[in-house]
PDB file of N, CA and C in Angstrom:
ATOM      1  N   MET A   1      74.144 109.864 -89.968  1.00  0.00           N
ATOM      2  CA  MET A   1      74.869 108.607 -89.938  1.00  0.00           C
ATOM      3  C   MET A   1      76.362 108.908 -89.815  1.00  0.00           C
ATOM      4  N   SER A   2      77.058 108.125 -88.993  1.00  0.00           N
ATOM      5  CA  SER A   2      78.471 108.403 -88.773  1.00  0.00           C
ATOM      6  C   SER A   2      79.326 107.826 -89.892  1.00  0.00           C
ATOM      7  N   ASP A   3      80.459 108.451 -90.069  1.00  0.00           N
ATOM      8  CA  ASP A   3      81.417 108.034 -91.089  1.00  0.00           C
ATOM      9  C   ASP A   3      82.194 106.830 -90.574  1.00  0.00           C
ATOM     10  N   PRO A   4      82.105 105.662 -91.237  1.00  0.00           N
ATOM     11  CA  PRO A   4      82.793 104.475 -90.749  1.00  0.00           C
ATOM     12  C   PRO A   4      84.310 104.594 -90.786  1.00  0.00           C
ATOM     13  N   ASP A   5      84.846 105.505 -91.586  1.00  0.00           N
ATOM     14  CA  ASP A   5      86.290 105.689 -91.651  1.00  0.00           C
ATOM     15  C   ASP A   5      86.810 106.662 -90.593  1.00  0.00           C
ATOM     16  N   ASN A   6      85.908 107.319 -89.911  1.00  0.00           N
ATOM     17  CA  ASN A   6      86.278 108.310 -88.917  1.00  0.00           C
ATOM     18  C   ASN A   6      85.733 107.858 -87.557  1.00  0.00           C
ATOM     19  N   HIS A   7      86.458 106.993 -86.877  1.00  0.00           N
ATOM     20  CA  HIS A   7      85.996 106.516 -85.583  1.00  0.00           C
ATOM     21  C   HIS A   7      87.155 106.480 -84.588  1.00  0.00           C
ATOM     22  N   LEU A   8      86.779 106.506 -83.328  1.00  0.00           N
ATOM     23  CA  LEU A   8      87.767 106.482 -82.249  1.00  0.00           C
ATOM     24  C   LEU A   8      88.285 105.060 -82.053  1.00  0.00           C
ATOM     25  N   PRO A   9      89.484 104.951 -81.514  1.00  0.00           N
ATOM     26  CA  PRO A   9      89.942 103.613 -81.103  1.00  0.00           C
ATOM     27  C   PRO A   9      88.957 103.043 -80.072  1.00  0.00           C
ATOM     28  N   GLU A  10      88.863 101.745 -80.012  1.00  0.00           N
ATOM     29  CA  GLU A  10      87.874 101.100 -79.150  1.00  0.00           C
ATOM     30  C   GLU A  10      87.963 101.558 -77.704  1.00  0.00           C
ATOM     31  N   SER A  11      89.177 101.674 -77.166  1.00  0.00           N
ATOM     32  CA  SER A  11      89.322 102.072 -75.762  1.00  0.00           C
ATOM     33  C   SER A  11      88.794 103.484 -75.521  1.00  0.00           C
ATOM     34  N   GLU A  12      89.034 104.384 -76.465  1.00  0.00           N
ATOM     35  CA  GLU A  12      88.530 105.748 -76.329  1.00  0.00           C
ATOM     36  C   GLU A  12      87.014 105.784 -76.475  1.00  0.00           C
ATOM     37  N   GLU A  13      86.492 104.989 -77.384  1.00  0.00           N
ATOM     38  CA  GLU A  13      85.046 104.924 -77.568  1.00  0.00           C
ATOM     39  C   GLU A  13      84.376 104.352 -76.319  1.00  0.00           C
ATOM     40  N   GLU A  14      84.975 103.330 -75.745  1.00  0.00           N
ATOM     41  CA  GLU A  14      84.427 102.753 -74.515  1.00  0.00           C
ATOM     42  C   GLU A  14      84.436 103.788 -73.394  1.00  0.00           C
ATOM     43  N   SER A  15      85.529 104.508 -73.263  1.00  0.00           N
ATOM     44  CA  SER A  15      85.636 105.542 -72.246  1.00  0.00           C
ATOM     45  C   SER A  15      84.577 106.620 -72.443  1.00  0.00           C
ATOM     46  N   ARG A  16      84.399 107.036 -73.675  1.00  0.00           N
ATOM     47  CA  ARG A  16      83.403 108.061 -74.000  1.00  0.00           C
ATOM     48  C   ARG A  16      81.997 107.591 -73.633  1.00  0.00           C
ATOM     49  N   ILE A  17      81.684 106.356 -73.987  1.00  0.00           N
ATOM     50  CA  ILE A  17      80.340 105.826 -73.722  1.00  0.00           C
ATOM     51  C   ILE A  17      80.146 105.585 -72.226  1.00  0.00           C
ATOM     52  N   ARG A  18      81.184 105.109 -71.528  1.00  0.00           N
ATOM     53  CA  ARG A  18      81.090 104.923 -70.071  1.00  0.00           C
ATOM     54  C   ARG A  18      80.771 106.253 -69.380  1.00  0.00           C
ATOM     55  N   LYS A  19      81.446 107.311 -69.820  1.00  0.00           N
ATOM     56  CA  LYS A  19      81.202 108.625 -69.229  1.00  0.00           C
ATOM     57  C   LYS A  19      79.762 109.065 -69.479  1.00  0.00           C
ATOM     58  N   MET A  20      79.301 108.874 -70.698  1.00  0.00           N
ATOM     59  CA  MET A  20      77.927 109.247 -71.032  1.00  0.00           C
ATOM     60  C   MET A  20      76.929 108.436 -70.201  1.00  0.00           C
ATOM     61  N   LEU A  21      77.198 107.151 -70.050  1.00  0.00           N
ATOM     62  CA  LEU A  21      76.311 106.272 -69.287  1.00  0.00           C
ATOM     63  C   LEU A  21      76.270 106.680 -67.817  1.00  0.00           C
ATOM     64  N   ALA A  22      77.423 106.956 -67.227  1.00  0.00           N
ATOM     65  CA  ALA A  22      77.471 107.383 -65.829  1.00  0.00           C
ATOM     66  C   ALA A  22      76.738 108.708 -65.649  1.00  0.00           C
ATOM     67  N   ASP A  23      76.977 109.633 -66.560  1.00  0.00           N
ATOM     68  CA  ASP A  23      76.319 110.939 -66.487  1.00  0.00           C
ATOM     69  C   ASP A  23      74.802 110.787 -66.623  1.00  0.00           C
ATOM     70  N   HIS A  24      74.374 109.992 -67.576  1.00  0.00           N
ATOM     71  CA  HIS A  24      72.940 109.746 -67.783  1.00  0.00           C
ATOM     72  C   HIS A  24      72.321 109.114 -66.530  1.00  0.00           C
ATOM     73  N   SER A  25      73.018 108.169 -65.942  1.00  0.00           N
ATOM     74  CA  SER A  25      72.517 107.477 -64.752  1.00  0.00           C
ATOM     75  C   SER A  25      72.400 108.434 -63.566  1.00  0.00           C
ATOM     76  N   MET A  26      73.395 109.298 -63.377  1.00  0.00           N
ATOM     77  CA  MET A  26      73.325 110.262 -62.280  1.00  0.00           C
ATOM     78  C   MET A  26      72.187 111.255 -62.497  1.00  0.00           C
ATOM     79  N   GLN A  27      71.993 111.678 -63.734  1.00  0.00           N
ATOM     80  CA  GLN A  27      70.875 112.576 -64.028  1.00  0.00           C
ATOM     81  C   GLN A  27      69.542 111.915 -63.685  1.00  0.00           C
ATOM     82  N   TYR A  28      69.434 110.621 -64.012  1.00  0.00           N
ATOM     83  CA  TYR A  28      68.209 109.884 -63.692  1.00  0.00           C
ATOM     84  C   TYR A  28      67.994 109.827 -62.182  1.00  0.00           C
ATOM     85  N   LEU A  29      69.047 109.459 -61.447  1.00  0.00           N
ATOM     86  CA  LEU A  29      68.921 109.395 -59.988  1.00  0.00           C
ATOM     87  C   LEU A  29      68.525 110.744 -59.407  1.00  0.00           C
ATOM     88  N   ASP A  30      69.183 111.805 -59.866  1.00  0.00           N
ATOM     89  CA  ASP A  30      68.895 113.138 -59.345  1.00  0.00           C
ATOM     90  C   ASP A  30      67.472 113.580 -59.679  1.00  0.00           C
ATOM     91  N   ALA A  31      67.024 113.278 -60.884  1.00  0.00           N
ATOM     92  CA  ALA A  31      65.701 113.735 -61.319  1.00  0.00           C
ATOM     93  C   ALA A  31      64.558 112.904 -60.727  1.00  0.00           C
ATOM     94  N   ASN A  32      64.800 111.626 -60.490  1.00  0.00           N
ATOM     95  CA  ASN A  32      63.707 110.745 -60.101  1.00  0.00           C
ATOM     96  C   ASN A  32      63.782 110.193 -58.681  1.00  0.00           C
ATOM     97  N   HIS A  33      64.952 110.238 -58.070  1.00  0.00           N
ATOM     98  CA  HIS A  33      65.107 109.617 -56.749  1.00  0.00           C
ATOM     99  C   HIS A  33      65.976 110.440 -55.812  1.00  0.00           C
ATOM    100  N   PHE A  34      66.011 111.743 -56.003  1.00  0.00           N
ATOM    101  CA  PHE A  34      66.901 112.612 -55.243  1.00  0.00           C
ATOM    102  C   PHE A  34      66.722 112.443 -53.733  1.00  0.00           C
ATOM    103  N   GLU A  35      65.491 112.505 -53.260  1.00  0.00           N
ATOM    104  CA  GLU A  35      65.221 112.404 -51.823  1.00  0.00           C
ATOM    105  C   GLU A  35      65.582 111.020 -51.290  1.00  0.00           C
ATOM    106  N   ARG A  36      65.311 109.986 -52.050  1.00  0.00           N
ATOM    107  CA  ARG A  36      65.625 108.623 -51.617  1.00  0.00           C
ATOM    108  C   ARG A  36      67.139 108.424 -51.533  1.00  0.00           C
ATOM    109  N   VAL A  37      67.873 109.001 -52.487  1.00  0.00           N
ATOM    110  CA  VAL A  37      69.333 108.885 -52.464  1.00  0.00           C
ATOM    111  C   VAL A  37      69.896 109.574 -51.222  1.00  0.00           C
ATOM    112  N   LYS A  38      69.310 110.708 -50.840  1.00  0.00           N
ATOM    113  CA  LYS A  38      69.803 111.452 -49.679  1.00  0.00           C
ATOM    114  C   LYS A  38      69.747 110.636 -48.396  1.00  0.00           C
ATOM    115  N   VAL A  39      68.785 109.717 -48.287  1.00  0.00           N
ATOM    116  CA  VAL A  39      68.605 108.993 -47.020  1.00  0.00           C
ATOM    117  C   VAL A  39      68.987 107.518 -47.089  1.00  0.00           C
ATOM    118  N   SER A  40      69.362 107.038 -48.250  1.00  0.00           N
ATOM    119  CA  SER A  40      69.658 105.617 -48.407  1.00  0.00           C
ATOM    120  C   SER A  40      71.152 105.377 -48.642  1.00  0.00           C
ATOM    121  N   PRO A  41      71.838 104.756 -47.694  1.00  0.00           N
ATOM    122  CA  PRO A  41      73.267 104.470 -47.891  1.00  0.00           C
ATOM    123  C   PRO A  41      73.533 103.625 -49.141  1.00  0.00           C
ATOM    124  N   GLY A  42      72.659 102.696 -49.443  1.00  0.00           N
ATOM    125  CA  GLY A  42      72.846 101.872 -50.638  1.00  0.00           C
ATOM    126  C   GLY A  42      72.763 102.684 -51.918  1.00  0.00           C
ATOM    127  N   LEU A  43      71.783 103.576 -51.992  1.00  0.00           N
ATOM    128  CA  LEU A  43      71.652 104.439 -53.171  1.00  0.00           C
ATOM    129  C   LEU A  43      72.793 105.458 -53.232  1.00  0.00           C
ATOM    130  N   GLN A  44      73.243 105.919 -52.078  1.00  0.00           N
ATOM    131  CA  GLN A  44      74.401 106.818 -52.054  1.00  0.00           C
ATOM    132  C   GLN A  44      75.645 106.110 -52.581  1.00  0.00           C
ATOM    133  N   GLN A  45      75.764 104.837 -52.269  1.00  0.00           N
ATOM    134  CA  GLN A  45      76.900 104.059 -52.767  1.00  0.00           C
ATOM    135  C   GLN A  45      76.843 103.931 -54.288  1.00  0.00           C
ATOM    136  N   ILE A  46      75.652 103.715 -54.827  1.00  0.00           N
ATOM    137  CA  ILE A  46      75.500 103.648 -56.289  1.00  0.00           C
ATOM    138  C   ILE A  46      75.908 104.973 -56.914  1.00  0.00           C
ATOM    139  N   ARG A  47      75.445 106.067 -56.335  1.00  0.00           N
ATOM    140  CA  ARG A  47      75.769 107.386 -56.888  1.00  0.00           C
ATOM    141  C   ARG A  47      77.270 107.658 -56.790  1.00  0.00           C
ATOM    142  N   ALA A  48      77.881 107.259 -55.676  1.00  0.00           N
ATOM    143  CA  ALA A  48      79.330 107.448 -55.518  1.00  0.00           C
ATOM    144  C   ALA A  48      80.093 106.636 -56.564  1.00  0.00           C
ATOM    145  N   ARG A  49      79.624 105.441 -56.861  1.00  0.00           N
ATOM    146  CA  ARG A  49      80.290 104.626 -57.887  1.00  0.00           C
ATOM    147  C   ARG A  49      80.188 105.311 -59.249  1.00  0.00           C
ATOM    148  N   LEU A  50      79.045 105.888 -59.539  1.00  0.00           N
ATOM    149  CA  LEU A  50      78.881 106.615 -60.805  1.00  0.00           C
ATOM    150  C   LEU A  50      79.797 107.829 -60.859  1.00  0.00           C
ATOM    151  N   GLU A  51      79.933 108.537 -59.742  1.00  0.00           N
ATOM    152  CA  GLU A  51      80.843 109.681 -59.689  1.00  0.00           C
ATOM    153  C   GLU A  51      82.282 109.223 -59.910  1.00  0.00           C
ATOM    154  N   ASN A  52      82.648 108.087 -59.331  1.00  0.00           N
ATOM    155  CA  ASN A  52      83.990 107.532 -59.554  1.00  0.00           C
ATOM    156  C   ASN A  52      84.187 107.185 -61.019  1.00  0.00           C
ATOM    157  N   ASP A  53      83.169 106.613 -61.640  1.00  0.00           N
ATOM    158  CA  ASP A  53      83.263 106.283 -63.062  1.00  0.00           C
ATOM    159  C   ASP A  53      83.564 107.531 -63.883  1.00  0.00           C
ATOM    160  N   LEU A  54      82.905 108.623 -63.549  1.00  0.00           N
ATOM    161  CA  LEU A  54      83.152 109.878 -64.266  1.00  0.00           C
ATOM    162  C   LEU A  54      84.558 110.400 -63.988  1.00  0.00           C
ATOM    163  N   ALA A  55      84.977 110.342 -62.741  1.00  0.00           N
ATOM    164  CA  ALA A  55      86.299 110.859 -62.385  1.00  0.00           C
ATOM    165  C   ALA A  55      87.402 110.061 -63.049  1.00  0.00           C
ATOM    166  N   PHE A  56      87.242 108.743 -63.125  1.00  0.00           N
ATOM    167  CA  PHE A  56      88.277 107.889 -63.702  1.00  0.00           C
ATOM    168  C   PHE A  56      88.436 108.091 -65.200  1.00  0.00           C
ATOM    169  N   GLU A  57      87.538 108.780 -65.816  1.00  0.00           N
ATOM    170  CA  GLU A  57      87.648 109.007 -67.255  1.00  0.00           C
ATOM    171  C   GLU A  57      88.546 110.197 -67.580  1.00  0.00           C
ATOM    172  N   HIS A  58      89.008 110.904 -66.567  1.00  0.00           N
ATOM    173  CA  HIS A  58      89.892 112.050 -66.780  1.00  0.00           C
ATOM    174  C   HIS A  58      91.345 111.603 -66.646  1.00  0.00           C
ATOM    175  N   PRO A  59      92.212 112.024 -67.568  1.00  0.00           N
ATOM    176  CA  PRO A  59      93.623 111.604 -67.543  1.00  0.00           C
ATOM    177  C   PRO A  59      94.356 111.954 -66.252  1.00  0.00           C
ATOM    178  N   GLU A  60      93.947 113.020 -65.576  1.00  0.00           N
ATOM    179  CA  GLU A  60      94.649 113.413 -64.363  1.00  0.00           C
ATOM    180  C   GLU A  60      94.447 112.408 -63.222  1.00  0.00           C
ATOM    181  N   TYR A  61      93.544 111.476 -63.395  1.00  0.00           N
ATOM    182  CA  TYR A  61      93.305 110.457 -62.379  1.00  0.00           C
ATOM    183  C   TYR A  61      93.945 109.115 -62.727  1.00  0.00           C
ATOM    184  N   ASP A  62      94.833 109.090 -63.723  1.00  0.00           N
ATOM    185  CA  ASP A  62      95.470 107.836 -64.133  1.00  0.00           C
ATOM    186  C   ASP A  62      96.195 107.157 -62.973  1.00  0.00           C
ATOM    187  N   HIS A  63      96.911 107.943 -62.150  1.00  0.00           N
ATOM    188  CA  HIS A  63      97.634 107.343 -61.023  1.00  0.00           C
ATOM    189  C   HIS A  63      96.661 106.752 -60.008  1.00  0.00           C
ATOM    190  N   GLN A  64      95.508 107.383 -59.826  1.00  0.00           N
ATOM    191  CA  GLN A  64      94.512 106.848 -58.907  1.00  0.00           C
ATOM    192  C   GLN A  64      93.893 105.566 -59.468  1.00  0.00           C
ATOM    193  N   GLN A  65      93.729 105.502 -60.784  1.00  0.00           N
ATOM    194  CA  GLN A  65      93.228 104.285 -61.410  1.00  0.00           C
ATOM    195  C   GLN A  65      94.143 103.121 -61.110  1.00  0.00           C
ATOM    196  N   LYS A  66      95.458 103.356 -61.249  1.00  0.00           N
ATOM    197  CA  LYS A  66      96.436 102.296 -61.013  1.00  0.00           C
ATOM    198  C   LYS A  66      96.375 101.840 -59.563  1.00  0.00           C
ATOM    199  N   ASP A  67      96.289 102.770 -58.627  1.00  0.00           N
ATOM    200  CA  ASP A  67      96.162 102.416 -57.210  1.00  0.00           C
ATOM    201  C   ASP A  67      94.884 101.606 -56.979  1.00  0.00           C
ATOM    202  N   TYR A  68      93.806 102.054 -57.567  1.00  0.00           N
ATOM    203  CA  TYR A  68      92.517 101.366 -57.442  1.00  0.00           C
ATOM    204  C   TYR A  68      92.634  99.932 -57.939  1.00  0.00           C
ATOM    205  N   GLN A  69      93.216  99.766 -59.116  1.00  0.00           N
ATOM    206  CA  GLN A  69      93.368  98.430 -59.699  1.00  0.00           C
ATOM    207  C   GLN A  69      94.213  97.539 -58.805  1.00  0.00           C
ATOM    208  N   ASP A  70      95.371  98.041 -58.391  1.00  0.00           N
ATOM    209  CA  ASP A  70      96.295  97.249 -57.576  1.00  0.00           C
ATOM    210  C   ASP A  70      95.663  96.821 -56.257  1.00  0.00           C
ATOM    211  N   VAL A  71      95.084  97.778 -55.562  1.00  0.00           N
ATOM    212  CA  VAL A  71      94.509  97.481 -54.253  1.00  0.00           C
ATOM    213  C   VAL A  71      93.301  96.553 -54.398  1.00  0.00           C
ATOM    214  N   TYR A  72      92.473  96.801 -55.395  1.00  0.00           N
ATOM    215  CA  TYR A  72      91.282  95.969 -55.576  1.00  0.00           C
ATOM    216  C   TYR A  72      91.670  94.531 -55.916  1.00  0.00           C
ATOM    217  N   LEU A  73      92.663  94.344 -56.787  1.00  0.00           N
ATOM    218  CA  LEU A  73      93.121  92.988 -57.108  1.00  0.00           C
ATOM    219  C   LEU A  73      93.695  92.305 -55.867  1.00  0.00           C
ATOM    220  N   GLN A  74      94.463  93.034 -55.059  1.00  0.00           N
ATOM    221  CA  GLN A  74      94.993  92.466 -53.825  1.00  0.00           C
ATOM    222  C   GLN A  74      93.868  92.063 -52.874  1.00  0.00           C
ATOM    223  N   LEU A  75      92.861  92.918 -52.782  1.00  0.00           N
ATOM    224  CA  LEU A  75      91.716  92.637 -51.928  1.00  0.00           C
ATOM    225  C   LEU A  75      90.984  91.370 -52.387  1.00  0.00           C
ATOM    226  N   LEU A  76      90.809  91.218 -53.678  1.00  0.00           N
ATOM    227  CA  LEU A  76      90.139  90.024 -54.201  1.00  0.00           C
ATOM    228  C   LEU A  76      90.947  88.761 -53.901  1.00  0.00           C
ATOM    229  N   ILE A  77      92.259  88.850 -53.993  1.00  0.00           N
ATOM    230  CA  ILE A  77      93.120  87.713 -53.649  1.00  0.00           C
ATOM    231  C   ILE A  77      92.950  87.357 -52.176  1.00  0.00           C
ATOM    232  N   LYS A  78      92.965  88.361 -51.309  1.00  0.00           N
ATOM    233  CA  LYS A  78      92.792  88.124 -49.871  1.00  0.00           C
ATOM    234  C   LYS A  78      91.422  87.511 -49.582  1.00  0.00           C
ATOM    235  N   GLN A  79      90.402  87.961 -50.278  1.00  0.00           N
ATOM    236  CA  GLN A  79      89.068  87.390 -50.087  1.00  0.00           C
ATOM    237  C   GLN A  79      89.046  85.919 -50.489  1.00  0.00           C
ATOM    238  N   ARG A  80      89.702  85.594 -51.605  1.00  0.00           N
ATOM    239  CA  ARG A  80      89.767  84.191 -52.031  1.00  0.00           C
ATOM    240  C   ARG A  80      90.476  83.331 -50.987  1.00  0.00           C
ATOM    241  N   LEU A  81      91.608  83.830 -50.477  1.00  0.00           N
ATOM    242  CA  LEU A  81      92.350  83.091 -49.464  1.00  0.00           C
ATOM    243  C   LEU A  81      91.513  82.887 -48.201  1.00  0.00           C
ATOM    244  N   PHE A  82      90.793  83.912 -47.815  1.00  0.00           N
ATOM    245  CA  PHE A  82      89.929  83.816 -46.641  1.00  0.00           C
ATOM    246  C   PHE A  82      88.855  82.748 -46.853  1.00  0.00           C
ATOM    247  N   LEU A  83      88.210  82.773 -48.014  1.00  0.00           N
ATOM    248  CA  LEU A  83      87.170  81.787 -48.293  1.00  0.00           C
ATOM    249  C   LEU A  83      87.734  80.373 -48.362  1.00  0.00           C
ATOM    250  N   THR A  84      88.935  80.224 -48.917  1.00  0.00           N
ATOM    251  CA  THR A  84      89.578  78.908 -48.979  1.00  0.00           C
ATOM    252  C   THR A  84      89.822  78.378 -47.570  1.00  0.00           C
ATOM    253  N   ALA A  85      90.325  79.219 -46.693  1.00  0.00           N
ATOM    254  CA  ALA A  85      90.558  78.810 -45.307  1.00  0.00           C
ATOM    255  C   ALA A  85      89.237  78.506 -44.606  1.00  0.00           C
ATOM    256  N   LEU A  86      88.247  79.325 -44.837  1.00  0.00           N
ATOM    257  CA  LEU A  86      86.935  79.131 -44.226  1.00  0.00           C
ATOM    258  C   LEU A  86      86.298  77.829 -44.709  1.00  0.00           C
ATOM    259  N   ASN A  87      86.538  77.495 -45.951  1.00  0.00           N
ATOM    260  CA  ASN A  87      85.959  76.287 -46.534  1.00  0.00           C
ATOM    261  C   ASN A  87      86.504  75.020 -45.869  1.00  0.00           C
ATOM    262  N   LYS A  88      87.671  75.104 -45.247  1.00  0.00           N
ATOM    263  CA  LYS A  88      88.272  73.939 -44.580  1.00  0.00           C
ATOM    264  C   LYS A  88      87.610  73.642 -43.238  1.00  0.00           C
ATOM    265  N   GLU A  89      86.853  74.602 -42.740  1.00  0.00           N
ATOM    266  CA  GLU A  89      86.146  74.383 -41.484  1.00  0.00           C
ATOM    267  C   GLU A  89      84.929  73.500 -41.745  1.00  0.00           C
ATOM    268  N   GLN A  90      84.653  72.620 -40.831  1.00  0.00           N
ATOM    269  CA  GLN A  90      83.611  71.622 -41.047  1.00  0.00           C
ATOM    270  C   GLN A  90      82.202  72.201 -41.054  1.00  0.00           C
ATOM    271  N   ASP A  91      81.982  73.284 -40.358  1.00  0.00           N
ATOM    272  CA  ASP A  91      80.624  73.807 -40.266  1.00  0.00           C
ATOM    273  C   ASP A  91      80.316  74.876 -41.326  1.00  0.00           C
ATOM    274  N   THR A  92      81.111  74.920 -42.372  1.00  0.00           N
ATOM    275  CA  THR A  92      80.916  75.900 -43.442  1.00  0.00           C
ATOM    276  C   THR A  92      80.280  75.230 -44.647  1.00  0.00           C
ATOM    277  N   ASP A  93      79.253  75.864 -45.190  1.00  0.00           N
ATOM    278  CA  ASP A  93      78.546  75.334 -46.356  1.00  0.00           C
ATOM    279  C   ASP A  93      79.386  75.568 -47.618  1.00  0.00           C
ATOM    280  N   GLU A  94      79.827  74.497 -48.228  1.00  0.00           N
ATOM    281  CA  GLU A  94      80.697  74.574 -49.402  1.00  0.00           C
ATOM    282  C   GLU A  94      80.009  75.276 -50.576  1.00  0.00           C
ATOM    283  N   ASP A  95      78.705  75.086 -50.709  1.00  0.00           N
ATOM    284  CA  ASP A  95      77.975  75.741 -51.805  1.00  0.00           C
ATOM    285  C   ASP A  95      77.989  77.262 -51.657  1.00  0.00           C
ATOM    286  N   VAL A  96      77.868  77.722 -50.429  1.00  0.00           N
ATOM    287  CA  VAL A  96      77.916  79.169 -50.180  1.00  0.00           C
ATOM    288  C   VAL A  96      79.304  79.703 -50.511  1.00  0.00           C
ATOM    289  N   ILE A  97      80.341  78.968 -50.099  1.00  0.00           N
ATOM    290  CA  ILE A  97      81.720  79.374 -50.391  1.00  0.00           C
ATOM    291  C   ILE A  97      81.926  79.460 -51.902  1.00  0.00           C
ATOM    292  N   ARG A  98      81.465  78.443 -52.621  1.00  0.00           N
ATOM    293  CA  ARG A  98      81.615  78.437 -54.088  1.00  0.00           C
ATOM    294  C   ARG A  98      80.884  79.614 -54.729  1.00  0.00           C
ATOM    295  N   LYS A  99      79.698  79.907 -54.233  1.00  0.00           N
ATOM    296  CA  LYS A  99      78.932  81.042 -54.764  1.00  0.00           C
ATOM    297  C   LYS A  99      79.710  82.349 -54.560  1.00  0.00           C
ATOM    298  N   LEU A 100      80.243  82.540 -53.368  1.00  0.00           N
ATOM    299  CA  LEU A 100      80.993  83.765 -53.078  1.00  0.00           C
ATOM    300  C   LEU A 100      82.286  83.824 -53.882  1.00  0.00           C
ATOM    301  N   GLN A 101      82.941  82.680 -54.079  1.00  0.00           N
ATOM    302  CA  GLN A 101      84.135  82.652 -54.920  1.00  0.00           C
ATOM    303  C   GLN A 101      83.787  83.040 -56.360  1.00  0.00           C
ATOM    304  N   GLY A 102      82.643  82.583 -56.829  1.00  0.00           N
ATOM    305  CA  GLY A 102      82.197  82.954 -58.170  1.00  0.00           C
ATOM    306  C   GLY A 102      81.956  84.446 -58.299  1.00  0.00           C
ATOM    307  N   LEU A 103      81.400  85.057 -57.251  1.00  0.00           N
ATOM    308  CA  LEU A 103      81.183  86.508 -57.270  1.00  0.00           C
ATOM    309  C   LEU A 103      82.515  87.260 -57.271  1.00  0.00           C
ATOM    310  N   ILE A 104      83.487  86.746 -56.544  1.00  0.00           N
ATOM    311  CA  ILE A 104      84.820  87.353 -56.555  1.00  0.00           C
ATOM    312  C   ILE A 104      85.428  87.240 -57.952  1.00  0.00           C
ATOM    313  N   ASP A 105      85.278  86.069 -58.567  1.00  0.00           N
ATOM    314  CA  ASP A 105      85.779  85.884 -59.935  1.00  0.00           C
ATOM    315  C   ASP A 105      85.132  86.886 -60.892  1.00  0.00           C
ATOM    316  N   LEU A 106      83.833  87.092 -60.726  1.00  0.00           N
ATOM    317  CA  LEU A 106      83.113  88.046 -61.572  1.00  0.00           C
ATOM    318  C   LEU A 106      83.637  89.467 -61.366  1.00  0.00           C
ATOM    319  N   GLU A 107      83.863  89.848 -60.126  1.00  0.00           N
ATOM    320  CA  GLU A 107      84.419  91.177 -59.840  1.00  0.00           C
ATOM    321  C   GLU A 107      85.791  91.349 -60.487  1.00  0.00           C
ATOM    322  N   GLU A 108      86.618  90.308 -60.399  1.00  0.00           N
ATOM    323  CA  GLU A 108      87.940  90.393 -61.013  1.00  0.00           C
ATOM    324  C   GLU A 108      87.832  90.518 -62.526  1.00  0.00           C
ATOM    325  N   GLU A 109      86.939  89.761 -63.118  1.00  0.00           N
ATOM    326  CA  GLU A 109      86.768  89.835 -64.578  1.00  0.00           C
ATOM    327  C   GLU A 109      86.280  91.221 -64.993  1.00  0.00           C
ATOM    328  N   LYS A 110      85.346  91.786 -64.239  1.00  0.00           N
ATOM    329  CA  LYS A 110      84.869  93.137 -64.540  1.00  0.00           C
ATOM    330  C   LYS A 110      86.010  94.140 -64.470  1.00  0.00           C
ATOM    331  N   LEU A 111      86.842  94.002 -63.450  1.00  0.00           N
ATOM    332  CA  LEU A 111      87.985  94.901 -63.287  1.00  0.00           C
ATOM    333  C   LEU A 111      88.952  94.759 -64.455  1.00  0.00           C
ATOM    334  N   ARG A 112      89.251  93.527 -64.825  1.00  0.00           N
ATOM    335  CA  ARG A 112      90.193  93.282 -65.912  1.00  0.00           C
ATOM    336  C   ARG A 112      89.654  93.792 -67.256  1.00  0.00           C
ATOM    337  N   VAL A 113      88.384  93.596 -67.509  1.00  0.00           N
ATOM    338  CA  VAL A 113      87.795  94.082 -68.753  1.00  0.00           C
ATOM    339  C   VAL A 113      87.759  95.604 -68.769  1.00  0.00           C
ATOM    340  N   ARG A 114      87.354  96.188 -67.663  1.00  0.00           N
ATOM    341  CA  ARG A 114      87.220  97.649 -67.583  1.00  0.00           C
ATOM    342  C   ARG A 114      88.554  98.354 -67.817  1.00  0.00           C
ATOM    343  N   PHE A 115      89.623  97.822 -67.214  1.00  0.00           N
ATOM    344  CA  PHE A 115      90.907  98.497 -67.277  1.00  0.00           C
ATOM    345  C   PHE A 115      91.886  97.827 -68.221  1.00  0.00           C
ATOM    346  N   GLY A 116      91.424  96.839 -68.973  1.00  0.00           N
ATOM    347  CA  GLY A 116      92.283  96.184 -69.952  1.00  0.00           C
ATOM    348  C   GLY A 116      93.469  95.469 -69.348  1.00  0.00           C
ATOM    349  N   LEU A 117      93.260  94.837 -68.215  1.00  0.00           N
ATOM    350  CA  LEU A 117      94.347  94.134 -67.524  1.00  0.00           C
ATOM    351  C   LEU A 117      94.533  92.738 -68.078  1.00  0.00           C
TER     352      LEU A 117
END
C-alpha cells in the first residue's frame, strides 16, 4: 500500500501514468497485432500517436510540445471557420456541420486538459 503522505504532484502523476499507458498499449499492439499494424495505415497512426505520447513525456521535448499545442489550436480554429463558412451554403446539412463542430470542440478540450491550457 502506498504512503498517502508521499505522492507526486498531480501533473507528474498524470505524466507517469500516461507514459505507462502508452507503453502498455504499444506492447499490446506489438504482441497481438504486429502484422496487422505493419499493413494498416490506421493502426500505424494509432501506434505513432502512442509513440508521440511517450516522446512528449520527456523534458527535452518541451519546445516541441509548445509547437504542437500552438499549431493544433490554430488548426482547430481554422477548421471551425471553414465549417462556419460551409454552413452558410444552402446545400450543406446543418446537423452534419454541428456534429463536426462538436468533434472539434472535443479535440480542443482534450488538448487543453492534456497540456493544462
